[in-house]
């Protein structure tokens, strides 16, 4: 089992959830619900993993919060 971390945002214009996996070219999708987005991303990732020449561009490390006063 492989686990991937997706970044999820909500588009203020379309109200759609948009998700992508950092450093994984092509691993992105959008949906009206978080459950639908997760399923869409799972399908995209499974399809991309079938490519034998798959190369990750970067390694996801984490997120940071930046405080500005």
PDB file of N, CA and C in Angstrom:
ATOM      1  N   UNK A   1       0.842  -1.176   0.000  1.00  0.00           N
ATOM      2  CA  UNK A   1       0.000   0.000   0.000  1.00  0.00           C
ATOM      3  C   UNK A   1       0.888   1.240   0.000  1.00  0.00           C
ATOM      4  N   UNK A   2       0.578   2.173  -0.878  1.00  0.00           N
ATOM      5  CA  UNK A   2       1.282   3.449  -0.937  1.00  0.00           C
ATOM      6  C   UNK A   2       0.330   4.534  -0.463  1.00  0.00           C
ATOM      7  N   UNK A   3       0.857   5.496   0.257  1.00  0.00           N
ATOM      8  CA  UNK A   3       0.044   6.601   0.751  1.00  0.00           C
ATOM      9  C   UNK A   3       0.584   7.895   0.168  1.00  0.00           C
ATOM     10  N   UNK A   4      -0.311   8.706  -0.375  1.00  0.00           N
ATOM     11  CA  UNK A   4       0.043   9.983  -0.968  1.00  0.00           C
ATOM     12  C   UNK A   4      -0.697  11.088  -0.213  1.00  0.00           C
ATOM     13  N   UNK A   5      -0.055  12.227  -0.069  1.00  0.00           N
ATOM     14  CA  UNK A   5      -0.660  13.379   0.582  1.00  0.00           C
ATOM     15  C   UNK A   5      -1.130  14.355  -0.475  1.00  0.00           C
ATOM     16  N   UNK A   6      -2.398  14.740  -0.391  1.00  0.00           N
ATOM     17  CA  UNK A   6      -2.962  15.689  -1.353  1.00  0.00           C
ATOM     18  C   UNK A   6      -3.215  17.020  -0.652  1.00  0.00           C
ATOM     19  N   UNK A   7      -2.970  18.082  -1.365  1.00  0.00           N
ATOM     20  CA  UNK A   7      -3.328  19.424  -0.922  1.00  0.00           C
ATOM     21  C   UNK A   7      -4.728  19.695  -1.465  1.00  0.00           C
ATOM     22  N   UNK A   8      -5.623  20.169  -0.596  1.00  0.00           N
ATOM     23  CA  UNK A   8      -7.006  20.417  -1.011  1.00  0.00           C
ATOM     24  C   UNK A   8      -7.350  21.875  -0.735  1.00  0.00           C
ATOM     25  N   UNK A   9      -7.924  22.508  -1.736  1.00  0.00           N
ATOM     26  CA  UNK A   9      -8.375  23.889  -1.622  1.00  0.00           C
ATOM     27  C   UNK A   9      -9.804  23.958  -2.161  1.00  0.00           C
ATOM     28  N   UNK A  10     -10.485  25.050  -1.862  1.00  0.00           N
ATOM     29  CA  UNK A  10     -11.820  25.247  -2.413  1.00  0.00           C
ATOM     30  C   UNK A  10     -11.794  26.511  -3.257  1.00  0.00           C
ATOM     31  N   UNK A  11     -12.180  26.366  -4.506  1.00  0.00           N
ATOM     32  CA  UNK A  11     -12.193  27.487  -5.433  1.00  0.00           C
ATOM     33  C   UNK A  11     -13.355  28.417  -5.075  1.00  0.00           C
ATOM     34  N   UNK A  12     -13.069  29.687  -4.822  1.00  0.00           N
ATOM     35  CA  UNK A  12     -14.106  30.625  -4.388  1.00  0.00           C
ATOM     36  C   UNK A  12     -15.096  30.962  -5.502  1.00  0.00           C
ATOM     37  N   UNK A  13     -14.685  30.834  -6.750  1.00  0.00           N
ATOM     38  CA  UNK A  13     -15.590  31.130  -7.862  1.00  0.00           C
ATOM     39  C   UNK A  13     -16.516  29.959  -8.172  1.00  0.00           C
ATOM     40  N   UNK A  14     -15.954  28.773  -8.317  1.00  0.00           N
ATOM     41  CA  UNK A  14     -16.749  27.610  -8.721  1.00  0.00           C
ATOM     42  C   UNK A  14     -17.307  26.832  -7.538  1.00  0.00           C
ATOM     43  N   UNK A  15     -16.765  27.074  -6.337  1.00  0.00           N
ATOM     44  CA  UNK A  15     -17.123  26.343  -5.113  1.00  0.00           C
ATOM     45  C   UNK A  15     -16.727  24.871  -5.176  1.00  0.00           C
ATOM     46  N   UNK A  16     -15.879  24.502  -6.140  1.00  0.00           N
ATOM     47  CA  UNK A  16     -15.402  23.128  -6.257  1.00  0.00           C
ATOM     48  C   UNK A  16     -14.177  22.922  -5.379  1.00  0.00           C
ATOM     49  N   UNK A  17     -14.035  21.693  -4.870  1.00  0.00           N
ATOM     50  CA  UNK A  17     -12.810  21.310  -4.178  1.00  0.00           C
ATOM     51  C   UNK A  17     -11.779  20.932  -5.230  1.00  0.00           C
ATOM     52  N   UNK A  18     -10.567  21.423  -5.055  1.00  0.00           N
ATOM     53  CA  UNK A  18      -9.482  21.158  -5.989  1.00  0.00           C
ATOM     54  C   UNK A  18      -8.360  20.503  -5.193  1.00  0.00           C
ATOM     55  N   UNK A  19      -7.863  19.373  -5.688  1.00  0.00           N
ATOM     56  CA  UNK A  19      -6.814  18.672  -4.985  1.00  0.00           C
ATOM     57  C   UNK A  19      -5.674  18.292  -5.904  1.00  0.00           C
ATOM     58  N   UNK A  20      -4.467  18.259  -5.344  1.00  0.00           N
ATOM     59  CA  UNK A  20      -3.301  17.828  -6.113  1.00  0.00           C
ATOM     60  C   UNK A  20      -2.279  17.212  -5.167  1.00  0.00           C
ATOM     61  N   UNK A  21      -1.455  16.355  -5.725  1.00  0.00           N
ATOM     62  CA  UNK A  21      -0.378  15.728  -4.957  1.00  0.00           C
ATOM     63  C   UNK A  21       0.915  16.437  -5.339  1.00  0.00           C
ATOM     64  N   UNK A  22       1.544  17.152  -4.398  1.00  0.00           N
ATOM     65  CA  UNK A  22       2.774  17.882  -4.710  1.00  0.00           C
ATOM     66  C   UNK A  22       3.863  16.962  -5.257  1.00  0.00           C
ATOM     67  N   UNK A  23       4.512  17.423  -6.320  1.00  0.00           N
ATOM     68  CA  UNK A  23       5.616  16.685  -6.908  1.00  0.00           C
ATOM     69  C   UNK A  23       5.223  15.519  -7.773  1.00  0.00           C
ATOM     70  N   UNK A  24       3.921  15.290  -7.971  1.00  0.00           N
ATOM     71  CA  UNK A  24       3.428  14.158  -8.754  1.00  0.00           C
ATOM     72  C   UNK A  24       2.727  14.724  -9.990  1.00  0.00           C
ATOM     73  N   UNK A  25       3.450  14.858 -11.096  1.00  0.00           N
ATOM     74  CA  UNK A  25       2.883  15.466 -12.304  1.00  0.00           C
ATOM     75  C   UNK A  25       1.596  14.756 -12.744  1.00  0.00           C
ATOM     76  N   UNK A  26       0.549  15.535 -12.953  1.00  0.00           N
ATOM     77  CA  UNK A  26      -0.720  14.995 -13.426  1.00  0.00           C
ATOM     78  C   UNK A  26      -1.659  14.535 -12.333  1.00  0.00           C
ATOM     79  N   UNK A  27      -1.197  14.491 -11.098  1.00  0.00           N
ATOM     80  CA  UNK A  27      -2.042  14.012  -9.996  1.00  0.00           C
ATOM     81  C   UNK A  27      -2.845  15.172  -9.427  1.00  0.00           C
ATOM     82  N   UNK A  28      -3.924  15.524 -10.118  1.00  0.00           N
ATOM     83  CA  UNK A  28      -4.801  16.598  -9.673  1.00  0.00           C
ATOM     84  C   UNK A  28      -6.216  16.331 -10.160  1.00  0.00           C
ATOM     85  N   UNK A  29      -7.186  16.881  -9.445  1.00  0.00           N
ATOM     86  CA  UNK A  29      -8.583  16.708  -9.821  1.00  0.00           C
ATOM     87  C   UNK A  29      -9.417  17.749  -9.105  1.00  0.00           C
ATOM     88  N   UNK A  30     -10.724  17.747  -9.398  1.00  0.00           N
ATOM     89  CA  UNK A  30     -11.656  18.634  -8.717  1.00  0.00           C
ATOM     90  C   UNK A  30     -12.987  17.909  -8.568  1.00  0.00           C
ATOM     91  N   UNK A  31     -13.808  18.373  -7.626  1.00  0.00           N
ATOM     92  CA  UNK A  31     -15.095  17.726  -7.382  1.00  0.00           C
ATOM     93  C   UNK A  31     -15.974  18.622  -6.530  1.00  0.00           C
ATOM     94  N   UNK A  32     -17.253  18.268  -6.459  1.00  0.00           N
ATOM     95  CA  UNK A  32     -18.208  19.029  -5.663  1.00  0.00           C
ATOM     96  C   UNK A  32     -18.176  18.658  -4.189  1.00  0.00           C
ATOM     97  N   UNK A  33     -17.663  17.473  -3.846  1.00  0.00           N
ATOM     98  CA  UNK A  33     -17.584  17.060  -2.444  1.00  0.00           C
ATOM     99  C   UNK A  33     -16.190  16.503  -2.156  1.00  0.00           C
ATOM    100  N   UNK A  34     -15.840  16.468  -0.876  1.00  0.00           N
ATOM    101  CA  UNK A  34     -14.535  15.922  -0.496  1.00  0.00           C
ATOM    102  C   UNK A  34     -14.457  14.426  -0.778  1.00  0.00           C
ATOM    103  N   UNK A  35     -15.553  13.708  -0.571  1.00  0.00           N
ATOM    104  CA  UNK A  35     -15.559  12.273  -0.870  1.00  0.00           C
ATOM    105  C   UNK A  35     -15.335  12.017  -2.357  1.00  0.00           C
ATOM    106  N   UNK A  36     -16.006  12.804  -3.189  1.00  0.00           N
ATOM    107  CA  UNK A  36     -15.851  12.662  -4.642  1.00  0.00           C
ATOM    108  C   UNK A  36     -14.423  13.028  -5.057  1.00  0.00           C
ATOM    109  N   UNK A  37     -13.857  14.064  -4.442  1.00  0.00           N
ATOM    110  CA  UNK A  37     -12.491  14.465  -4.761  1.00  0.00           C
ATOM    111  C   UNK A  37     -11.515  13.350  -4.408  1.00  0.00           C
ATOM    112  N   UNK A  38     -11.688  12.732  -3.243  1.00  0.00           N
ATOM    113  CA  UNK A  38     -10.797  11.648  -2.841  1.00  0.00           C
ATOM    114  C   UNK A  38     -10.866  10.494  -3.838  1.00  0.00           C
ATOM    115  N   UNK A  39     -12.059  10.145  -4.271  1.00  0.00           N
ATOM    116  CA  UNK A  39     -12.208   9.059  -5.242  1.00  0.00           C
ATOM    117  C   UNK A  39     -11.576   9.447  -6.581  1.00  0.00           C
ATOM    118  N   UNK A  40     -11.790  10.683  -7.016  1.00  0.00           N
ATOM    119  CA  UNK A  40     -11.190  11.145  -8.270  1.00  0.00           C
ATOM    120  C   UNK A  40      -9.666  11.085  -8.201  1.00  0.00           C
ATOM    121  N   UNK A  41      -9.107  11.567  -7.088  1.00  0.00           N
ATOM    122  CA  UNK A  41      -7.652  11.546  -6.937  1.00  0.00           C
ATOM    123  C   UNK A  41      -7.129  10.112  -6.890  1.00  0.00           C
ATOM    124  N   UNK A  42      -7.850   9.221  -6.227  1.00  0.00           N
ATOM    125  CA  UNK A  42      -7.428   7.820  -6.169  1.00  0.00           C
ATOM    126  C   UNK A  42      -7.364   7.225  -7.586  1.00  0.00           C
ATOM    127  N   UNK A  43      -8.389   7.496  -8.393  1.00  0.00           N
ATOM    128  CA  UNK A  43      -8.419   6.983  -9.761  1.00  0.00           C
ATOM    129  C   UNK A  43      -7.262   7.541 -10.595  1.00  0.00           C
ATOM    130  N   UNK A  44      -7.009   8.842 -10.455  1.00  0.00           N
ATOM    131  CA  UNK A  44      -5.925   9.473 -11.212  1.00  0.00           C
ATOM    132  C   UNK A  44      -4.577   8.893 -10.798  1.00  0.00           C
ATOM    133  N   UNK A  45      -4.357   8.744  -9.501  1.00  0.00           N
ATOM    134  CA  UNK A  45      -3.087   8.210  -9.002  1.00  0.00           C
ATOM    135  C   UNK A  45      -2.891   6.782  -9.475  1.00  0.00           C
ATOM    136  N   UNK A  46      -3.933   5.956  -9.384  1.00  0.00           N
ATOM    137  CA  UNK A  46      -3.825   4.567  -9.857  1.00  0.00           C
ATOM    138  C   UNK A  46      -3.452   4.522 -11.337  1.00  0.00           C
ATOM    139  N   UNK A  47      -4.076   5.385 -12.134  1.00  0.00           N
ATOM    140  CA  UNK A  47      -3.774   5.428 -13.563  1.00  0.00           C
ATOM    141  C   UNK A  47      -2.320   5.862 -13.802  1.00  0.00           C
ATOM    142  N   UNK A  48      -1.883   6.901 -13.088  1.00  0.00           N
ATOM    143  CA  UNK A  48      -0.519   7.396 -13.270  1.00  0.00           C
ATOM    144  C   UNK A  48       0.524   6.374 -12.820  1.00  0.00           C
ATOM    145  N   UNK A  49       0.220   5.586 -11.799  1.00  0.00           N
ATOM    146  CA  UNK A  49       1.170   4.589 -11.307  1.00  0.00           C
ATOM    147  C   UNK A  49       1.370   3.434 -12.287  1.00  0.00           C
ATOM    148  N   UNK A  50       0.478   3.288 -13.253  1.00  0.00           N
ATOM    149  CA  UNK A  50       0.635   2.250 -14.277  1.00  0.00           C
ATOM    150  C   UNK A  50       1.780   2.570 -15.239  1.00  0.00           C
ATOM    151  N   UNK A  51       2.192   3.832 -15.296  1.00  0.00           N
ATOM    152  CA  UNK A  51       3.280   4.266 -16.171  1.00  0.00           C
ATOM    153  C   UNK A  51       4.617   3.807 -15.596  1.00  0.00           C
ATOM    154  N   UNK A  52       5.317   2.963 -16.321  1.00  0.00           N
ATOM    155  CA  UNK A  52       6.597   2.425 -15.836  1.00  0.00           C
ATOM    156  C   UNK A  52       7.706   3.473 -15.801  1.00  0.00           C
ATOM    157  N   UNK A  53       7.553   4.568 -16.534  1.00  0.00           N
ATOM    158  CA  UNK A  53       8.571   5.621 -16.574  1.00  0.00           C
ATOM    159  C   UNK A  53       8.261   6.759 -15.597  1.00  0.00           C
ATOM    160  N   UNK A  54       7.422   6.490 -14.605  1.00  0.00           N
ATOM    161  CA  UNK A  54       7.002   7.499 -13.650  1.00  0.00           C
ATOM    162  C   UNK A  54       8.200   8.049 -12.872  1.00  0.00           C
ATOM    163  N   UNK A  55       8.291   9.365 -12.806  1.00  0.00           N
ATOM    164  CA  UNK A  55       9.373  10.007 -12.044  1.00  0.00           C
ATOM    165  C   UNK A  55       8.772  11.157 -11.240  1.00  0.00           C
ATOM    166  N   UNK A  56       8.988  11.130  -9.931  1.00  0.00           N
ATOM    167  CA  UNK A  56       8.493  12.209  -9.079  1.00  0.00           C
ATOM    168  C   UNK A  56       9.458  13.388  -9.167  1.00  0.00           C
ATOM    169  N   UNK A  57       8.895  14.595  -9.247  1.00  0.00           N
ATOM    170  CA  UNK A  57       9.719  15.792  -9.387  1.00  0.00           C
ATOM    171  C   UNK A  57      10.291  16.252  -8.048  1.00  0.00           C
ATOM    172  N   UNK A  58       9.531  16.089  -6.992  1.00  0.00           N
ATOM    173  CA  UNK A  58       9.969  16.519  -5.669  1.00  0.00           C
ATOM    174  C   UNK A  58       9.457  15.533  -4.628  1.00  0.00           C
ATOM    175  N   UNK A  59       9.899  15.700  -3.398  1.00  0.00           N
ATOM    176  CA  UNK A  59       9.418  14.885  -2.279  1.00  0.00           C
ATOM    177  C   UNK A  59       8.628  15.779  -1.345  1.00  0.00           C
ATOM    178  N   UNK A  60       7.389  15.409  -1.069  1.00  0.00           N
ATOM    179  CA  UNK A  60       6.557  16.196  -0.154  1.00  0.00           C
ATOM    180  C   UNK A  60       7.154  16.114   1.250  1.00  0.00           C
ATOM    181  N   UNK A  61       7.366  17.265   1.870  1.00  0.00           N
ATOM    182  CA  UNK A  61       7.956  17.311   3.206  1.00  0.00           C
ATOM    183  C   UNK A  61       6.893  17.679   4.228  1.00  0.00           C
ATOM    184  N   UNK A  62       6.083  18.658   3.948  1.00  0.00           N
ATOM    185  CA  UNK A  62       5.062  19.062   4.907  1.00  0.00           C
ATOM    186  C   UNK A  62       4.567  20.461   4.598  1.00  0.00           C
ATOM    187  N   UNK A  63       3.848  21.020   5.534  1.00  0.00           N
ATOM    188  CA  UNK A  63       3.335  22.371   5.377  1.00  0.00           C
ATOM    189  C   UNK A  63       3.855  23.221   6.537  1.00  0.00           C
ATOM    190  N   UNK A  64       3.828  24.511   6.361  1.00  0.00           N
ATOM    191  CA  UNK A  64       4.235  25.437   7.412  1.00  0.00           C
ATOM    192  C   UNK A  64       3.187  26.537   7.513  1.00  0.00           C
ATOM    193  N   UNK A  65       2.985  27.017   8.733  1.00  0.00           N
ATOM    194  CA  UNK A  65       2.141  28.177   8.933  1.00  0.00           C
ATOM    195  C   UNK A  65       3.042  29.365   9.195  1.00  0.00           C
ATOM    196  N   UNK A  66       2.764  30.461   8.539  1.00  0.00           N
ATOM    197  CA  UNK A  66       3.568  31.673   8.667  1.00  0.00           C
ATOM    198  C   UNK A  66       2.708  32.747   9.340  1.00  0.00           C
ATOM    199  N   UNK A  67       3.143  33.252  10.479  1.00  0.00           N
ATOM    200  CA  UNK A  67       2.412  34.282  11.216  1.00  0.00           C
ATOM    201  C   UNK A  67       2.971  35.657  10.856  1.00  0.00           C
ATOM    202  N   UNK A  68       2.088  36.563  10.510  1.00  0.00           N
ATOM    203  CA  UNK A  68       2.461  37.931  10.194  1.00  0.00           C
ATOM    204  C   UNK A  68       1.667  38.852  11.129  1.00  0.00           C
ATOM    205  N   UNK A  69       2.366  39.780  11.770  1.00  0.00           N
ATOM    206  CA  UNK A  69       1.684  40.721  12.659  1.00  0.00           C
ATOM    207  C   UNK A  69       1.594  42.088  12.052  1.00  0.00           C
TER     208      UNK A  69
END
